[in-house]
Amino acid sequence: MKKASYLPLLALAISLTSEVARADLITFENEAIGHKGEVYTVGQVTFKDTLILPGDAGLYVLDYSSQGRDNVLAVNNDVDGSGLRMDFLQPITSLSLMFGNDEPAFTEVGDLAWLDVFLGGTLVGHTTVVLNRNDLIDQSIGMTVLGGFDSAYFVHTDSVGTPLPERPYHHGGMEVVDNIEFTVAVPVPEPASFLLVGIGLGALGLVAWRRRK
């Protein structure tokens, strides 16, 4: 007697899926204060200093309570014009973060917070926010890309996108970020797929029972 195959039904169940957004938040509150090197991973995100030259101190977790936040992540003593790169364990659909350390002594009117996002190395999104230059970590920047992205680049720039430390008088400026929130699209089987599989399995069982009879 020919055996019934359940594979088509399983394939159908896998194909009938939807996606739900799962939000994650990194605040650095549980991270030890101190130097983290040039590459530092927290949860599903790996942070990198984008350019390493003599005099560059890399990444630090610091207590910035004087700027309205407790523990934050900083690209410290950023004398080389580098920024902060974020690589995500799996593609995400949205990203937002708080930023600051934009004191007037090291910025000018019109300077920007600059955010690029990439998928497989290809630029898929870009946005900017004008620095309010109050030296508080009280601004946010972010974006949503429906097709997803797996890495991001954040830096303080002038009005045309040149990193601020490249100015002759600018020494020791650094990007400071906190409350990094992102969403991951997680495939979830549709309820209809379970119903169809149940009906199909029931039908196959009935056929097998009739054949045995």
Foldseek 3Di string as FASTA:
>chain_A
DDADDLVVLVVLQVVQKFWDKDKDKFFCPPPDWDQDAQWHDDDFKIKGFADDDPQFRHKTFQQPVVQVGGTWIKRWFPLPLTWMKIFGNDWFFKKKWFKFQQAPVQADFQKWKKKFFAAPNHTDDIDIDTHPRPRHRDDMDMDGHRVTTGMMTIAIGHNVRRGRSVDPVHTTGMIIIGTMMTIHIDIDGDPVSVVVSVVVVVVSVVVVVVVVD
